[in-house]
N, C-alpha and C. Protein backbone atom coordinates (compact mmCIF):
# COMPACT_ATOMS: atom_id res chain seq x y z
N MET A 1 -8.19 37.50 -53.72
CA MET A 1 -8.72 38.03 -54.16
C MET A 1 -9.08 38.19 -55.46
N LYS A 2 -9.81 37.56 -56.06
CA LYS A 2 -9.67 38.06 -57.81
C LYS A 2 -8.96 39.41 -58.53
N LYS A 3 -8.20 39.02 -59.74
CA LYS A 3 -7.86 39.49 -59.98
C LYS A 3 -9.59 40.91 -61.24
N GLU A 4 -10.68 40.57 -60.72
CA GLU A 4 -11.84 40.43 -62.09
C GLU A 4 -12.72 41.99 -61.10
N ASP A 5 -12.01 41.52 -59.22
CA ASP A 5 -12.71 42.22 -58.74
C ASP A 5 -11.80 43.24 -57.95
N LEU A 6 -10.18 43.15 -58.69
CA LEU A 6 -9.67 44.84 -57.90
C LEU A 6 -9.98 45.54 -59.19
N ASP A 7 -9.98 44.94 -60.55
CA ASP A 7 -10.22 46.14 -62.52
C ASP A 7 -12.04 46.47 -62.08
N ARG A 8 -12.59 45.66 -61.34
CA ARG A 8 -13.83 46.17 -61.49
C ARG A 8 -13.86 47.25 -61.36
N ASN A 9 -14.76 48.58 -62.31
CA ASN A 9 -15.78 49.86 -61.70
C ASN A 9 -16.82 49.77 -61.99
N ILE A 10 -17.38 50.21 -60.65
CA ILE A 10 -18.35 50.38 -60.33
C ILE A 10 -18.98 51.95 -59.91
N SER A 11 -20.55 52.23 -60.86
CA SER A 11 -20.42 53.67 -61.20
C SER A 11 -21.83 53.11 -60.40
N VAL A 12 -21.81 54.69 -58.83
CA VAL A 12 -22.48 54.58 -57.46
C VAL A 12 -23.12 56.35 -57.89
N LYS A 13 -24.55 55.99 -58.02
CA LYS A 13 -24.97 57.13 -57.62
C LYS A 13 -26.37 57.47 -56.20
N ALA A 14 -25.39 58.46 -55.50
CA ALA A 14 -26.03 58.22 -54.20
C ALA A 14 -27.24 58.63 -54.14
N SER A 15 -28.21 58.87 -53.96
CA SER A 15 -28.85 60.45 -52.98
C SER A 15 -29.53 60.42 -51.87
N LYS A 16 -28.15 59.64 -51.26
CA LYS A 16 -28.36 60.01 -49.20
C LYS A 16 -26.73 58.70 -48.97
N GLN A 17 -26.33 58.83 -47.88
CA GLN A 17 -25.30 57.51 -46.74
C GLN A 17 -26.08 56.37 -47.12
N ILE A 18 -25.43 55.40 -48.02
CA ILE A 18 -25.95 53.96 -47.57
C ILE A 18 -26.43 53.82 -46.15
N SER A 19 -25.86 53.96 -45.02
CA SER A 19 -26.43 53.75 -44.32
C SER A 19 -27.40 54.37 -43.77
N GLU A 20 -28.08 55.11 -44.45
CA GLU A 20 -30.01 55.64 -44.56
C GLU A 20 -30.83 54.92 -44.89
N ILE A 21 -30.19 53.98 -46.23
CA ILE A 21 -31.07 52.82 -46.85
C ILE A 21 -31.72 52.11 -45.90
N LYS A 22 -32.88 52.04 -45.95
CA LYS A 22 -34.57 51.31 -44.87
C LYS A 22 -34.78 50.54 -46.11
N LYS A 23 -35.72 49.76 -45.08
CA LYS A 23 -37.00 49.10 -45.29
C LYS A 23 -38.20 50.15 -46.55
N GLY A 24 -38.40 49.77 -47.90
CA GLY A 24 -39.35 49.55 -49.06
C GLY A 24 -38.29 50.91 -49.95
N ASN A 25 -37.22 51.49 -48.90
CA ASN A 25 -36.72 52.20 -50.05
C ASN A 25 -36.38 51.60 -51.95
N LYS A 26 -35.80 52.58 -53.07
CA LYS A 26 -35.64 51.80 -54.48
C LYS A 26 -33.79 51.92 -54.35
N VAL A 27 -33.44 50.55 -54.63
CA VAL A 27 -32.29 50.32 -55.26
C VAL A 27 -32.50 50.07 -56.79
N LYS A 28 -31.50 50.84 -57.44
CA LYS A 28 -31.33 50.10 -59.05
C LYS A 28 -30.35 49.78 -59.29
N ILE A 29 -30.26 48.08 -59.56
CA ILE A 29 -29.00 48.12 -60.28
C ILE A 29 -28.88 47.62 -61.46
N ASP A 30 -28.15 47.99 -62.48
CA ASP A 30 -27.74 47.75 -64.25
C ASP A 30 -29.13 47.93 -64.45
N GLY A 31 -29.73 48.90 -64.37
CA GLY A 31 -31.76 49.68 -64.83
C GLY A 31 -32.53 48.70 -64.31
N LYS A 32 -32.65 47.81 -63.27
CA LYS A 32 -33.04 46.85 -62.94
C LYS A 32 -33.71 47.10 -61.37
N ASP A 33 -35.16 47.95 -60.96
CA ASP A 33 -35.81 47.95 -59.84
C ASP A 33 -35.71 46.90 -58.82
N TYR A 34 -34.64 47.02 -57.63
CA TYR A 34 -35.14 46.52 -56.58
C TYR A 34 -35.79 47.07 -55.06
N GLU A 35 -36.36 46.43 -54.38
CA GLU A 35 -37.13 47.16 -53.42
C GLU A 35 -36.26 46.54 -52.22
N VAL A 36 -35.59 47.36 -51.40
CA VAL A 36 -35.02 47.02 -49.74
C VAL A 36 -36.63 46.77 -48.80
N ASP A 37 -35.86 45.01 -48.19
CA ASP A 37 -36.74 44.43 -47.13
C ASP A 37 -36.09 44.71 -46.12
N ALA A 38 -34.96 44.76 -46.12
CA ALA A 38 -33.93 45.53 -44.54
C ALA A 38 -31.97 45.16 -44.65
N HIS A 39 -32.06 46.10 -44.03
CA HIS A 39 -30.86 46.89 -44.16
C HIS A 39 -30.17 46.53 -42.40
N TYR A 40 -29.29 45.57 -42.20
CA TYR A 40 -28.30 45.31 -41.27
C TYR A 40 -27.06 45.16 -40.95
N VAL A 41 -26.59 44.48 -39.79
CA VAL A 41 -24.93 44.52 -39.94
C VAL A 41 -25.07 42.93 -39.62
N LEU A 42 -24.46 42.53 -41.21
CA LEU A 42 -23.87 41.25 -41.04
C LEU A 42 -23.03 40.51 -40.10
N ILE A 43 -21.79 41.12 -39.58
CA ILE A 43 -20.61 40.89 -39.14
C ILE A 43 -19.65 41.99 -38.58
N ASP A 44 -19.70 42.18 -37.22
CA ASP A 44 -18.73 43.31 -36.59
C ASP A 44 -17.78 42.46 -36.44
N HIS A 45 -17.10 43.55 -37.40
CA HIS A 45 -14.58 42.68 -37.28
C HIS A 45 -15.05 44.15 -36.34
N ALA A 46 -13.67 44.56 -35.71
CA ALA A 46 -13.06 45.12 -34.79
C ALA A 46 -13.96 46.85 -35.11
N GLY A 47 -12.57 46.91 -36.04
CA GLY A 47 -13.08 48.17 -37.23
C GLY A 47 -13.56 48.68 -37.85
N THR A 48 -14.59 47.26 -38.08
CA THR A 48 -15.64 47.94 -39.52
C THR A 48 -16.54 46.62 -39.14
N LYS A 49 -17.84 47.31 -39.84
CA LYS A 49 -18.67 46.61 -40.31
C LYS A 49 -19.01 45.94 -41.80
N GLU A 50 -19.26 44.40 -41.27
CA GLU A 50 -20.01 44.05 -43.36
C GLU A 50 -21.25 44.54 -43.18
N MET A 51 -21.83 44.90 -44.02
CA MET A 51 -23.20 44.98 -43.72
C MET A 51 -24.02 44.56 -44.69
N ALA A 52 -25.15 43.72 -44.68
CA ALA A 52 -26.12 43.74 -46.01
C ALA A 52 -27.68 44.19 -45.57
N ILE A 53 -28.10 44.29 -47.42
CA ILE A 53 -29.16 44.91 -47.46
C ILE A 53 -29.57 43.79 -48.54
N GLU A 54 -30.59 43.25 -47.88
CA GLU A 54 -31.74 42.57 -48.54
C GLU A 54 -32.28 43.47 -49.24
N LEU A 55 -32.46 42.32 -51.12
CA LEU A 55 -33.05 42.86 -51.59
C LEU A 55 -33.92 42.21 -52.53
N PHE A 56 -35.69 42.28 -53.00
CA PHE A 56 -36.12 41.47 -53.80
C PHE A 56 -36.26 42.34 -55.12
N ASP A 57 -36.80 41.67 -55.74
CA ASP A 57 -37.44 41.98 -57.44
C ASP A 57 -38.52 41.90 -57.44
N LYS A 58 -39.48 42.19 -58.88
CA LYS A 58 -40.89 41.85 -58.77
C LYS A 58 -41.25 40.42 -58.90
N GLU A 59 -40.63 39.92 -59.10
CA GLU A 59 -40.75 38.67 -59.59
C GLU A 59 -40.71 37.45 -58.17
N ASP A 60 -40.59 39.03 -57.32
CA ASP A 60 -40.27 37.95 -55.80
C ASP A 60 -38.93 36.71 -55.60
N LYS A 61 -37.55 37.18 -56.35
CA LYS A 61 -36.60 37.18 -56.10
C LYS A 61 -36.02 37.64 -54.72
N ASP A 62 -34.59 36.61 -54.51
CA ASP A 62 -34.21 37.62 -53.15
C ASP A 62 -32.82 37.69 -53.64
N TYR A 63 -31.87 38.93 -52.75
CA TYR A 63 -30.88 39.27 -53.60
C TYR A 63 -29.67 39.74 -51.87
N GLN A 64 -29.06 40.62 -52.16
CA GLN A 64 -28.18 40.64 -51.21
C GLN A 64 -26.86 41.29 -51.56
N LEU A 65 -26.84 42.74 -51.21
CA LEU A 65 -26.12 43.93 -51.23
C LEU A 65 -25.15 44.18 -49.85
N ARG A 66 -24.12 43.20 -49.99
CA ARG A 66 -22.89 43.68 -49.31
C ARG A 66 -22.12 44.63 -49.51
N TYR A 67 -21.35 45.20 -48.34
CA TYR A 67 -19.88 46.14 -48.29
C TYR A 67 -19.51 46.36 -46.52
N PHE A 68 -19.03 46.63 -46.82
CA PHE A 68 -18.13 47.31 -45.66
C PHE A 68 -18.14 48.64 -45.34
N SER A 69 -18.69 49.48 -44.37
CA SER A 69 -18.64 50.33 -43.79
C SER A 69 -17.42 51.67 -43.60
N ASP A 70 -16.96 51.26 -43.87
CA ASP A 70 -15.06 51.44 -43.93
C ASP A 70 -14.98 51.97 -45.70
N GLN A 71 -15.34 51.01 -46.44
CA GLN A 71 -14.91 51.31 -47.92
C GLN A 71 -15.87 50.73 -48.87
N VAL A 72 -17.13 51.67 -48.14
CA VAL A 72 -18.31 51.16 -49.70
C VAL A 72 -18.43 50.75 -50.99
N GLU A 73 -17.77 51.76 -51.74
CA GLU A 73 -17.90 51.95 -52.83
C GLU A 73 -16.90 51.13 -52.96
N LYS A 74 -15.46 50.41 -52.38
CA LYS A 74 -14.71 49.44 -53.26
C LYS A 74 -15.05 48.21 -52.63
N THR A 75 -16.01 48.34 -52.17
CA THR A 75 -16.31 46.68 -51.35
C THR A 75 -17.66 46.19 -51.90
N LEU A 76 -18.65 47.12 -52.84
CA LEU A 76 -20.04 46.39 -53.08
C LEU A 76 -20.25 44.86 -53.43
N GLU A 77 -20.75 44.20 -53.06
CA GLU A 77 -21.47 42.99 -54.37
C GLU A 77 -22.47 42.39 -53.83
N LEU A 78 -22.94 42.43 -54.82
CA LEU A 78 -23.87 41.30 -55.42
C LEU A 78 -24.55 40.28 -55.28
N TYR A 79 -25.42 39.77 -54.28
CA TYR A 79 -25.39 38.21 -54.85
C TYR A 79 -26.96 38.34 -54.47
N GLU A 80 -27.34 36.85 -55.48
CA GLU A 80 -28.71 36.10 -55.81
C GLU A 80 -29.09 35.43 -55.54
N LEU A 81 -29.73 35.45 -54.58
CA LEU A 81 -30.43 33.46 -53.56
C LEU A 81 -30.70 32.45 -54.59
N GLN A 82 -29.98 31.39 -54.65
CA GLN A 82 -30.72 30.24 -55.76
C GLN A 82 -30.73 29.33 -54.38
N GLU A 83 -32.12 28.55 -54.80
CA GLU A 83 -31.69 27.42 -54.09
C GLU A 83 -31.65 28.37 -53.06
N ILE A 84 -30.12 27.55 -51.74
CA ILE A 84 -30.35 27.58 -50.85
C ILE A 84 -28.71 28.33 -50.78
N ILE A 85 -27.85 28.94 -51.56
CA ILE A 85 -26.73 29.92 -51.07
C ILE A 85 -27.29 31.13 -52.43
N TYR A 86 -26.44 31.70 -51.33
CA TYR A 86 -26.14 33.06 -52.33
C TYR A 86 -25.37 32.97 -52.98
N VAL A 87 -25.32 33.88 -54.28
CA VAL A 87 -24.72 33.40 -55.44
C VAL A 87 -24.08 34.71 -56.24
N LYS A 88 -22.78 34.96 -56.30
CA LYS A 88 -22.34 36.21 -56.78
C LYS A 88 -22.19 37.13 -57.45
N LYS A 89 -23.19 37.83 -58.36
CA LYS A 89 -23.45 38.68 -59.86
C LYS A 89 -22.62 39.66 -59.34
N GLN A 90 -22.45 39.78 -61.29
CA GLN A 90 -21.48 41.35 -61.32
C GLN A 90 -22.37 42.33 -61.60
N PHE A 91 -22.16 43.47 -61.18
CA PHE A 91 -22.68 44.77 -61.61
C PHE A 91 -21.92 45.96 -62.32
N SER A 92 -22.57 47.02 -62.52
CA SER A 92 -21.73 48.07 -63.13
C SER A 92 -22.12 49.51 -62.86
N LYS A 93 -23.10 49.36 -62.15
CA LYS A 93 -24.33 50.77 -62.27
C LYS A 93 -25.08 50.60 -60.93
N ILE A 94 -24.95 51.36 -59.99
CA ILE A 94 -26.29 51.43 -58.94
C ILE A 94 -26.51 52.73 -58.13
N GLU A 95 -27.31 52.80 -58.74
CA GLU A 95 -28.30 54.21 -57.95
C GLU A 95 -29.51 53.82 -56.31
N TRP A 96 -29.38 54.27 -55.68
CA TRP A 96 -30.52 54.32 -54.61
C TRP A 96 -30.56 55.79 -54.61
């Protein structure tokens, strides 16, 4: 893990548990609005699940918000789909 990943300080404002987020819900990241397309288990590890929330914005760009179910706030990561791969993006504030 990179040092900047350890030093990151993300502000989370949650109106419900992240596990309750579903298709059609809204998520705001650094002031930009996204809509949830899907929420599913990406990888089921023995003691935790790696989760993915598929998002899209008004320009119809695709994103993934990934996290581990047992350490949500410490593991939240945002990825943007660029051509055929997801590229990690930095962010500081998220709310749903």
